[in-house]
Amino acid sequence: MTKYLSPQYEDVKPMLTAVDCIIFGIQETKLKLLVFKREVEPFAGCLSLLGRFVKVEESVSEAAERILFELTGLENIYMEQLHCFGRFDRDPGGRVVAIAYWSLIRVDQNHLEFNVRSHETKWISIDRISELVLDHGEMAELAIANLREKARFRPIGFELLPEEFTLRQLLMVYEAILDHPIDSRNFRKKLLNSGLLIPLTKKDKSTSKKGSFLYKFNQETYQKLSQEGYSFGF
């Protein structure tokens, strides 16, 4: 059956739709952002978020999952849609509407070799986001604010941890996200009373002979608090 094309559609010029991925990770106790150096104009050689165009046959969310996998080789990554950036002059290369997503990559995955073979990718400190091209700095700023707000009321900090972790590692993740020191005694008490942690009998002895007990997070409690919220009070 031939589809009827309304005159209203014929009179509108087509626009490109892109997905830009704001990928956070923790390196050296600091919150970092994954970026690459553009190889094409405009802004060749400048730092950019990782992104690609949405294909005609896929939804925006499907495109986000595809692009994240193509660029990192990782699946089942925590990802949230952030905002639509549609200023008409945002990209001198053409009329492009960008849908931004932010993602968290776990500490134990940071050693993986990312799949962007044709680009020079690297982690940068979040205080360098003003160096990003186009409105990518604005995207990153908004994503950081969103991440910090979520971390206060949702247990998303666990998405940046390995499967087994120490309380010290957990504390460092939240200090990196919130960018300020947290009282360790209150932090430990709060988390141990939250039901989020399952204590293990083994220890991590990588930093001392005595070692620190390892924990893993309770999936059932995590899912519940992710939906209902919980004031972490950090």
Protein backbone atom coordinates (compact mmCIF):
# COMPACT_ATOMS: atom_id res chain seq x y z
CA MET A 1 0.00 0.00 0.00
CA THR A 2 1.35 3.40 -0.96
CA LYS A 3 1.67 5.78 1.95
CA TYR A 4 -0.02 9.13 1.55
CA LEU A 5 2.42 12.00 2.06
CA SER A 6 0.70 15.04 3.48
CA PRO A 7 1.65 18.42 1.97
CA GLN A 8 2.67 19.47 5.47
CA TYR A 9 5.41 16.85 5.36
CA GLU A 10 6.53 17.80 1.87
CA ASP A 11 7.03 21.43 2.88
CA VAL A 12 9.38 20.60 5.75
CA LYS A 13 13.09 20.16 5.16
CA PRO A 14 14.55 16.99 6.71
CA MET A 15 16.87 17.25 9.74
CA LEU A 16 19.49 14.89 11.10
CA THR A 17 19.06 13.32 14.54
CA ALA A 18 22.10 12.31 16.55
CA VAL A 19 22.73 10.58 19.86
CA ASP A 20 25.60 11.90 21.98
CA CYS A 21 26.89 9.67 24.79
CA ILE A 22 28.14 11.23 28.00
CA ILE A 23 30.13 8.38 29.52
CA PHE A 24 31.34 8.66 33.11
CA GLY A 25 33.84 6.49 34.94
CA ILE A 26 36.05 6.70 38.02
CA GLN A 27 39.80 6.85 37.55
CA GLU A 28 42.30 7.63 40.28
CA THR A 29 39.45 8.51 42.67
CA LYS A 30 38.16 11.17 40.28
CA LEU A 31 35.04 11.34 38.13
CA LYS A 32 36.13 11.28 34.49
CA LEU A 33 34.46 11.76 31.11
CA LEU A 34 35.24 9.67 28.02
CA VAL A 35 35.90 11.84 24.94
CA PHE A 36 37.63 11.58 21.57
CA LYS A 37 39.47 13.84 19.15
CA ARG A 38 37.38 14.61 16.08
CA GLU A 39 38.99 13.56 12.81
CA VAL A 40 36.66 15.46 10.47
CA GLU A 41 35.59 19.04 10.05
CA PRO A 42 34.15 21.03 11.58
CA PHE A 43 36.44 21.16 14.63
CA ALA A 44 38.86 18.43 13.54
CA GLY A 45 41.35 17.71 16.33
CA CYS A 46 39.10 19.09 19.07
CA LEU A 47 37.66 17.14 21.99
CA SER A 48 34.14 15.83 21.53
CA LEU A 49 31.62 13.56 23.17
CA LEU A 50 31.11 10.19 21.50
CA GLY A 51 28.09 10.08 19.23
CA ARG A 52 26.58 9.09 15.91
CA PHE A 53 23.45 9.62 13.85
CA VAL A 54 20.19 7.77 14.43
CA LYS A 55 19.29 5.37 11.63
CA VAL A 56 15.94 5.71 9.89
CA GLU A 57 14.79 2.24 10.94
CA GLU A 58 15.54 2.50 14.68
CA SER A 59 14.14 4.35 17.66
CA VAL A 60 16.25 6.88 19.53
CA SER A 61 16.63 4.54 22.51
CA GLU A 62 17.69 1.70 20.21
CA ALA A 63 20.20 4.03 18.59
CA ALA A 64 21.60 4.99 22.00
CA GLU A 65 22.16 1.34 22.93
CA ARG A 66 23.70 0.58 19.54
CA ILE A 67 26.01 3.58 19.60
CA LEU A 68 27.18 2.89 23.14
CA PHE A 69 27.97 -0.71 22.20
CA GLU A 70 29.72 0.27 18.96
CA LEU A 71 31.86 2.82 20.76
CA THR A 72 32.74 0.85 23.90
CA GLY A 73 32.00 -2.82 23.21
CA LEU A 74 30.00 -2.89 26.45
CA GLU A 75 26.39 -3.99 26.94
CA ASN A 76 23.85 -3.68 29.76
CA ILE A 77 25.37 -0.39 30.87
CA TYR A 78 23.46 2.03 33.09
CA MET A 79 22.13 4.70 30.75
CA GLU A 80 19.61 7.52 31.04
CA GLN A 81 18.22 9.94 28.50
CA LEU A 82 19.24 13.43 29.53
CA HIS A 83 17.87 16.13 27.24
CA CYS A 84 17.16 17.15 23.66
CA PHE A 85 19.50 19.80 22.27
CA GLY A 86 17.91 21.43 19.25
CA ARG A 87 19.16 24.96 18.85
CA PHE A 88 19.06 25.63 15.10
CA ASP A 89 22.69 26.82 14.93
CA ARG A 90 24.20 24.30 17.34
CA ASP A 91 26.14 22.45 14.61
CA PRO A 92 27.77 24.35 11.72
CA GLY A 93 27.98 21.07 9.80
CA GLY A 94 24.21 20.92 9.29
CA ARG A 95 20.80 21.06 10.97
CA VAL A 96 21.21 18.44 13.69
CA VAL A 97 19.02 17.71 16.69
CA ALA A 98 20.97 15.82 19.37
CA ILE A 99 19.52 13.55 22.04
CA ALA A 100 22.00 13.24 24.91
CA TYR A 101 22.32 10.14 27.09
CA TRP A 102 24.60 9.69 30.08
CA SER A 103 26.10 6.38 31.11
CA LEU A 104 28.15 4.91 33.93
CA ILE A 105 30.97 2.41 33.35
CA ARG A 106 32.07 0.28 36.28
CA VAL A 107 35.55 0.53 37.73
CA ASP A 108 36.36 -3.07 36.80
CA GLN A 109 35.54 -2.33 33.16
CA ASN A 110 37.80 0.69 32.81
CA HIS A 111 40.70 -1.51 31.72
CA LEU A 112 38.84 -2.65 28.62
CA GLU A 113 40.04 -1.49 25.24
CA PHE A 114 37.32 0.67 23.78
CA ASN A 115 36.13 -0.05 20.27
CA VAL A 116 36.56 3.36 18.69
CA ARG A 117 39.49 2.22 16.57
CA SER A 118 39.53 5.23 14.26
CA HIS A 119 39.49 7.85 17.01
CA GLU A 120 41.82 8.88 19.79
CA THR A 121 39.69 8.31 22.88
CA LYS A 122 40.69 9.25 26.41
CA TRP A 123 39.35 10.03 29.84
CA ILE A 124 39.45 13.67 30.92
CA SER A 125 38.70 15.39 34.22
CA ILE A 126 35.31 17.02 34.39
CA ASP A 127 36.95 20.39 34.96
CA ARG A 128 37.99 20.26 31.28
CA ILE A 129 34.52 20.02 29.80
CA SER A 130 34.71 23.65 28.66
CA GLU A 131 37.16 22.39 25.99
CA LEU A 132 34.49 20.29 24.28
CA VAL A 133 33.14 21.30 20.87
CA LEU A 134 29.67 22.56 19.98
CA ASP A 135 27.31 22.43 22.96
CA HIS A 136 28.92 19.25 24.33
CA GLY A 137 30.17 21.16 27.37
CA GLU A 138 26.58 22.16 28.14
CA MET A 139 25.52 18.53 27.77
CA ALA A 140 28.24 17.34 30.13
CA GLU A 141 27.44 20.04 32.71
CA LEU A 142 23.78 19.05 32.73
CA ALA A 143 24.68 15.35 32.96
CA ILE A 144 26.97 15.94 35.95
CA ALA A 145 24.24 17.87 37.76
CA ASN A 146 21.76 15.09 36.97
CA LEU A 147 24.18 12.39 38.14
CA ARG A 148 24.83 14.18 41.45
CA GLU A 149 21.14 14.71 42.11
CA LYS A 150 20.37 11.07 41.37
CA ALA A 151 23.22 9.90 43.61
CA ARG A 152 21.61 11.62 46.60
CA PHE A 153 18.35 9.70 46.29
CA ARG A 154 19.08 6.63 44.15
CA PRO A 155 21.82 4.00 44.66
CA ILE A 156 23.37 4.58 41.24
CA GLY A 157 26.88 4.85 42.70
CA PHE A 158 26.92 1.06 42.70
CA GLU A 159 26.93 1.15 38.90
CA LEU A 160 30.53 2.41 39.07
CA LEU A 161 31.77 -0.43 41.29
CA PRO A 162 33.07 -3.93 40.59
CA GLU A 163 30.86 -6.83 41.65
CA GLU A 164 32.74 -7.11 44.94
CA PHE A 165 34.04 -3.99 46.67
CA THR A 166 35.16 -2.55 49.99
CA LEU A 167 33.41 0.20 51.91
CA ARG A 168 36.41 2.38 51.18
CA GLN A 169 35.93 1.89 47.42
CA LEU A 170 32.24 2.73 47.78
CA LEU A 171 33.07 5.87 49.75
CA MET A 172 35.60 6.97 47.12
CA VAL A 173 32.99 6.58 44.37
CA TYR A 174 30.50 8.83 46.15
CA GLU A 175 33.17 11.39 47.00
CA ALA A 176 34.16 11.43 43.32
CA ILE A 177 30.56 11.88 42.16
CA LEU A 178 29.66 14.59 44.67
CA ASP A 179 33.11 16.22 44.55
CA HIS A 180 33.45 16.74 48.29
CA PRO A 181 34.66 14.76 51.32
CA ILE A 182 32.13 12.56 53.13
CA ASP A 183 32.34 11.64 56.81
CA SER A 184 33.38 8.00 56.65
CA ARG A 185 31.78 6.97 59.96
CA ASN A 186 28.34 8.32 59.04
CA PHE A 187 28.72 6.95 55.51
CA ARG A 188 29.44 3.43 56.73
CA LYS A 189 26.59 3.54 59.24
CA LYS A 190 24.14 4.82 56.64
CA LEU A 191 25.04 2.22 54.02
CA LEU A 192 25.21 -0.71 56.43
CA ASN A 193 21.71 0.16 57.68
CA SER A 194 20.26 0.61 54.20
CA GLY A 195 20.02 -3.08 53.37
CA LEU A 196 21.94 -2.44 50.15
CA LEU A 197 25.07 -4.32 51.19
CA ILE A 198 25.68 -8.03 51.53
CA PRO A 199 28.82 -8.68 53.63
CA LEU A 200 31.23 -11.34 52.37
CA THR A 201 33.66 -13.42 54.42
CA LYS A 202 36.66 -12.68 52.20
CA LYS A 203 38.91 -9.66 52.25
CA ASP A 204 40.68 -7.40 49.79
CA LYS A 205 44.37 -7.40 50.77
CA SER A 206 45.63 -5.34 47.86
CA THR A 207 46.28 -2.28 50.03
CA SER A 208 47.24 -3.81 53.41
CA LYS A 209 48.16 -7.12 55.05
CA LYS A 210 45.15 -6.91 57.36
CA GLY A 211 42.85 -6.29 54.43
CA SER A 212 39.31 -4.94 54.24
CA PHE A 213 36.14 -6.99 54.11
CA LEU A 214 34.40 -7.16 50.76
CA TYR A 215 30.74 -6.55 50.05
CA LYS A 216 28.37 -6.93 47.15
CA PHE A 217 25.13 -5.08 46.70
CA ASN A 218 21.71 -6.57 47.31
CA GLN A 219 19.98 -6.64 43.93
CA GLU A 220 16.48 -6.79 45.42
CA THR A 221 17.03 -3.78 47.68
CA TYR A 222 18.83 -1.97 44.87
CA GLN A 223 15.86 -2.33 42.54
CA LYS A 224 13.45 -1.23 45.27
CA LEU A 225 15.42 1.87 46.23
CA SER A 226 16.05 2.69 42.57
CA GLN A 227 12.30 3.00 42.10
CA GLU A 228 11.22 4.39 45.47
CA GLY A 229 14.22 6.53 46.33
CA TYR A 230 16.20 6.82 49.56
CA SER A 231 17.82 9.82 51.19
CA PHE A 232 21.49 8.95 51.49
CA GLY A 233 22.21 12.17 53.33
CA PHE A 234 25.71 12.62 51.93
